């Protein structure tokens, strides 16, 4: 592989794709939070709903895999 990743175009391209991935993940998470009938933050943090926390964690991993595959082109 060598030192090709140090090229400015490759480095800034990686940073740009990372930011786009985080933005798409955040927007999809906010959208899912809005369409659920209750406030996810209050249910998980204040009411200590562990089952909902597991579902949200699985959903977050699924969204992350989809975003990564879309950016990677796979």
N, C-alpha and C. Protein backbone atom coordinates (compact mmCIF):
# COMPACT_ATOMS: atom_id res chain seq x y z
N UNK A 1 0.82 -1.19 0.00
CA UNK A 1 0.00 0.00 0.00
C UNK A 1 0.86 1.25 0.00
N UNK A 2 1.88 1.25 0.79
CA UNK A 2 2.81 2.37 0.78
C UNK A 2 2.28 3.60 1.46
N UNK A 3 2.63 4.72 0.89
CA UNK A 3 2.35 6.01 1.51
C UNK A 3 1.27 6.79 0.74
N UNK A 4 0.50 6.08 -0.09
CA UNK A 4 -0.50 6.75 -0.92
C UNK A 4 -1.59 7.44 -0.12
N UNK A 5 -1.87 6.96 1.09
CA UNK A 5 -2.94 7.56 1.88
C UNK A 5 -2.56 8.94 2.39
N UNK A 6 -1.28 9.31 2.29
CA UNK A 6 -0.86 10.64 2.73
C UNK A 6 -1.11 11.72 1.68
N UNK A 7 -1.47 11.31 0.48
CA UNK A 7 -1.77 12.33 -0.54
C UNK A 7 -2.93 13.19 -0.06
N UNK A 8 -2.89 14.50 -0.28
CA UNK A 8 -3.96 15.37 0.20
C UNK A 8 -5.33 15.00 -0.36
N UNK A 9 -5.40 14.59 -1.62
CA UNK A 9 -6.70 14.25 -2.21
C UNK A 9 -7.30 13.03 -1.51
N UNK A 10 -6.49 12.02 -1.24
CA UNK A 10 -6.99 10.82 -0.57
C UNK A 10 -7.36 11.13 0.87
N UNK A 11 -6.54 11.91 1.55
CA UNK A 11 -6.80 12.24 2.95
C UNK A 11 -8.08 13.05 3.09
N UNK A 12 -8.23 14.12 2.31
CA UNK A 12 -9.42 14.96 2.42
C UNK A 12 -10.66 14.25 1.88
N UNK A 13 -10.49 13.37 0.91
CA UNK A 13 -11.61 12.56 0.43
C UNK A 13 -12.11 11.64 1.52
N UNK A 14 -11.20 11.04 2.28
CA UNK A 14 -11.59 10.18 3.39
C UNK A 14 -12.32 10.96 4.47
N UNK A 15 -11.82 12.14 4.77
CA UNK A 15 -12.47 12.98 5.78
C UNK A 15 -13.86 13.38 5.31
N UNK A 16 -13.99 13.74 4.04
CA UNK A 16 -15.28 14.13 3.50
C UNK A 16 -16.29 12.98 3.56
N UNK A 17 -15.86 11.79 3.15
CA UNK A 17 -16.76 10.63 3.20
C UNK A 17 -17.14 10.28 4.63
N UNK A 18 -16.21 10.43 5.57
CA UNK A 18 -16.52 10.18 6.97
C UNK A 18 -17.57 11.16 7.48
N UNK A 19 -17.42 12.42 7.13
CA UNK A 19 -18.39 13.43 7.56
C UNK A 19 -19.76 13.20 6.93
N UNK A 20 -19.77 12.83 5.66
CA UNK A 20 -21.04 12.52 4.99
C UNK A 20 -21.70 11.31 5.65
N UNK A 21 -20.91 10.30 5.98
CA UNK A 21 -21.46 9.11 6.64
C UNK A 21 -22.06 9.44 7.99
N UNK A 22 -21.36 10.25 8.78
CA UNK A 22 -21.88 10.64 10.10
C UNK A 22 -23.13 11.48 9.94
N UNK A 23 -23.16 12.37 8.97
CA UNK A 23 -24.34 13.21 8.75
C UNK A 23 -25.55 12.37 8.34
N UNK A 24 -25.36 11.44 7.42
CA UNK A 24 -26.46 10.57 6.99
C UNK A 24 -26.95 9.71 8.16
N UNK A 25 -26.02 9.18 8.96
CA UNK A 25 -26.41 8.40 10.13
C UNK A 25 -27.22 9.25 11.10
N UNK A 26 -26.75 10.46 11.38
CA UNK A 26 -27.44 11.33 12.33
C UNK A 26 -28.84 11.70 11.83
N UNK A 27 -28.95 12.02 10.54
CA UNK A 27 -30.26 12.37 9.99
C UNK A 27 -31.23 11.20 10.03
N UNK A 28 -30.74 10.01 9.72
CA UNK A 28 -31.63 8.84 9.76
C UNK A 28 -32.03 8.51 11.20
N UNK A 29 -31.12 8.69 12.15
CA UNK A 29 -31.47 8.44 13.55
C UNK A 29 -32.51 9.45 14.05
N UNK A 30 -32.34 10.72 13.68
CA UNK A 30 -33.32 11.74 14.08
C UNK A 30 -34.67 11.45 13.45
N UNK A 31 -34.68 11.02 12.19
CA UNK A 31 -35.93 10.69 11.53
C UNK A 31 -36.64 9.53 12.23
N UNK A 32 -35.89 8.51 12.58
CA UNK A 32 -36.49 7.37 13.29
C UNK A 32 -36.97 7.79 14.67
N UNK A 33 -36.24 8.66 15.33
CA UNK A 33 -36.67 9.17 16.64
C UNK A 33 -37.97 9.95 16.52
N UNK A 34 -38.14 10.69 15.43
CA UNK A 34 -39.36 11.48 15.24
C UNK A 34 -40.57 10.62 14.91
N UNK A 35 -40.37 9.50 14.20
CA UNK A 35 -41.53 8.70 13.80
C UNK A 35 -41.95 7.70 14.87
N UNK A 36 -41.13 7.51 15.90
CA UNK A 36 -41.55 6.64 17.00
C UNK A 36 -42.55 7.39 17.88
N UNK A 37 -43.48 6.67 18.51
CA UNK A 37 -44.53 7.35 19.29
C UNK A 37 -44.06 7.92 20.62
N UNK A 38 -42.82 7.70 21.03
CA UNK A 38 -42.33 8.21 22.31
C UNK A 38 -40.93 8.75 22.14
N UNK A 39 -40.45 9.46 23.15
CA UNK A 39 -39.13 10.06 23.11
C UNK A 39 -38.09 9.00 23.49
N UNK A 40 -37.22 8.64 22.54
CA UNK A 40 -36.24 7.60 22.77
C UNK A 40 -35.28 7.96 23.90
N UNK A 41 -34.84 9.21 23.97
CA UNK A 41 -33.89 9.62 24.98
C UNK A 41 -34.47 9.45 26.38
N UNK A 42 -35.70 9.91 26.57
CA UNK A 42 -36.33 9.80 27.89
C UNK A 42 -36.54 8.35 28.28
N UNK A 43 -36.97 7.53 27.32
CA UNK A 43 -37.21 6.12 27.61
C UNK A 43 -35.93 5.39 27.99
N UNK A 44 -34.85 5.68 27.28
CA UNK A 44 -33.59 4.95 27.51
C UNK A 44 -32.85 5.50 28.72
N UNK A 45 -32.70 6.81 28.81
CA UNK A 45 -31.86 7.40 29.85
C UNK A 45 -32.61 7.57 31.17
N UNK A 46 -33.77 8.16 31.12
CA UNK A 46 -34.47 8.46 32.36
C UNK A 46 -35.22 7.26 32.92
N UNK A 47 -35.88 6.50 32.05
CA UNK A 47 -36.67 5.35 32.51
C UNK A 47 -35.87 4.04 32.51
N UNK A 48 -34.62 4.08 32.04
CA UNK A 48 -33.73 2.91 32.03
C UNK A 48 -34.33 1.71 31.31
N UNK A 49 -34.92 1.96 30.15
CA UNK A 49 -35.54 0.89 29.35
C UNK A 49 -34.45 0.17 28.58
N UNK A 50 -33.95 -0.93 29.13
CA UNK A 50 -32.83 -1.65 28.53
C UNK A 50 -33.21 -2.37 27.24
N UNK A 51 -34.45 -2.84 27.16
CA UNK A 51 -34.88 -3.52 25.94
C UNK A 51 -34.91 -2.54 24.77
N UNK A 52 -35.42 -1.35 25.00
CA UNK A 52 -35.44 -0.34 23.94
C UNK A 52 -34.01 0.09 23.59
N UNK A 53 -33.13 0.14 24.57
CA UNK A 53 -31.74 0.49 24.30
C UNK A 53 -31.09 -0.54 23.38
N UNK A 54 -31.40 -1.82 23.59
CA UNK A 54 -30.86 -2.87 22.71
C UNK A 54 -31.40 -2.74 21.29
N UNK A 55 -32.68 -2.42 21.17
CA UNK A 55 -33.28 -2.25 19.84
C UNK A 55 -32.66 -1.05 19.13
N UNK A 56 -32.48 0.05 19.85
CA UNK A 56 -31.88 1.24 19.26
C UNK A 56 -30.42 0.97 18.89
N UNK A 57 -29.70 0.21 19.70
CA UNK A 57 -28.31 -0.14 19.37
C UNK A 57 -28.25 -0.98 18.10
N UNK A 58 -29.15 -1.96 17.98
CA UNK A 58 -29.18 -2.78 16.77
C UNK A 58 -29.54 -1.94 15.55
N UNK A 59 -30.49 -1.03 15.73
CA UNK A 59 -30.88 -0.15 14.63
C UNK A 59 -29.71 0.75 14.22
N UNK A 60 -28.97 1.24 15.20
CA UNK A 60 -27.82 2.09 14.90
C UNK A 60 -26.74 1.32 14.14
N UNK A 61 -26.50 0.10 14.54
CA UNK A 61 -25.53 -0.72 13.80
C UNK A 61 -26.00 -1.00 12.38
N UNK A 62 -27.28 -1.28 12.21
CA UNK A 62 -27.82 -1.52 10.88
C UNK A 62 -27.69 -0.30 9.98
N UNK A 63 -28.03 0.86 10.51
CA UNK A 63 -27.91 2.09 9.73
C UNK A 63 -26.44 2.33 9.38
N UNK A 64 -25.54 2.09 10.34
CA UNK A 64 -24.12 2.30 10.08
C UNK A 64 -23.60 1.38 8.98
N UNK A 65 -24.04 0.14 8.99
CA UNK A 65 -23.61 -0.81 7.95
C UNK A 65 -24.13 -0.38 6.58
N UNK A 66 -25.38 0.07 6.53
CA UNK A 66 -25.97 0.52 5.26
C UNK A 66 -25.23 1.76 4.74
N UNK A 67 -24.96 2.71 5.61
CA UNK A 67 -24.25 3.93 5.19
C UNK A 67 -22.84 3.59 4.71
N UNK A 68 -22.15 2.72 5.45
CA UNK A 68 -20.79 2.32 5.05
C UNK A 68 -20.79 1.62 3.70
N UNK A 69 -21.76 0.74 3.49
CA UNK A 69 -21.83 0.03 2.21
C UNK A 69 -22.16 0.99 1.07
N UNK A 70 -23.02 1.98 1.33
CA UNK A 70 -23.35 2.94 0.29
C UNK A 70 -22.16 3.81 -0.07
N UNK A 71 -21.39 4.20 0.92
CA UNK A 71 -20.21 5.03 0.66
C UNK A 71 -19.11 4.21 0.00
N UNK A 72 -18.94 2.99 0.45
CA UNK A 72 -17.89 2.13 -0.10
C UNK A 72 -18.22 1.66 -1.50
N UNK A 73 -19.49 1.58 -1.82
CA UNK A 73 -19.90 1.16 -3.16
C UNK A 73 -20.17 -0.34 -3.24
N UNK A 74 -20.37 -0.95 -2.12
CA UNK A 74 -20.60 -2.40 -2.09
C UNK A 74 -22.01 -2.67 -1.99
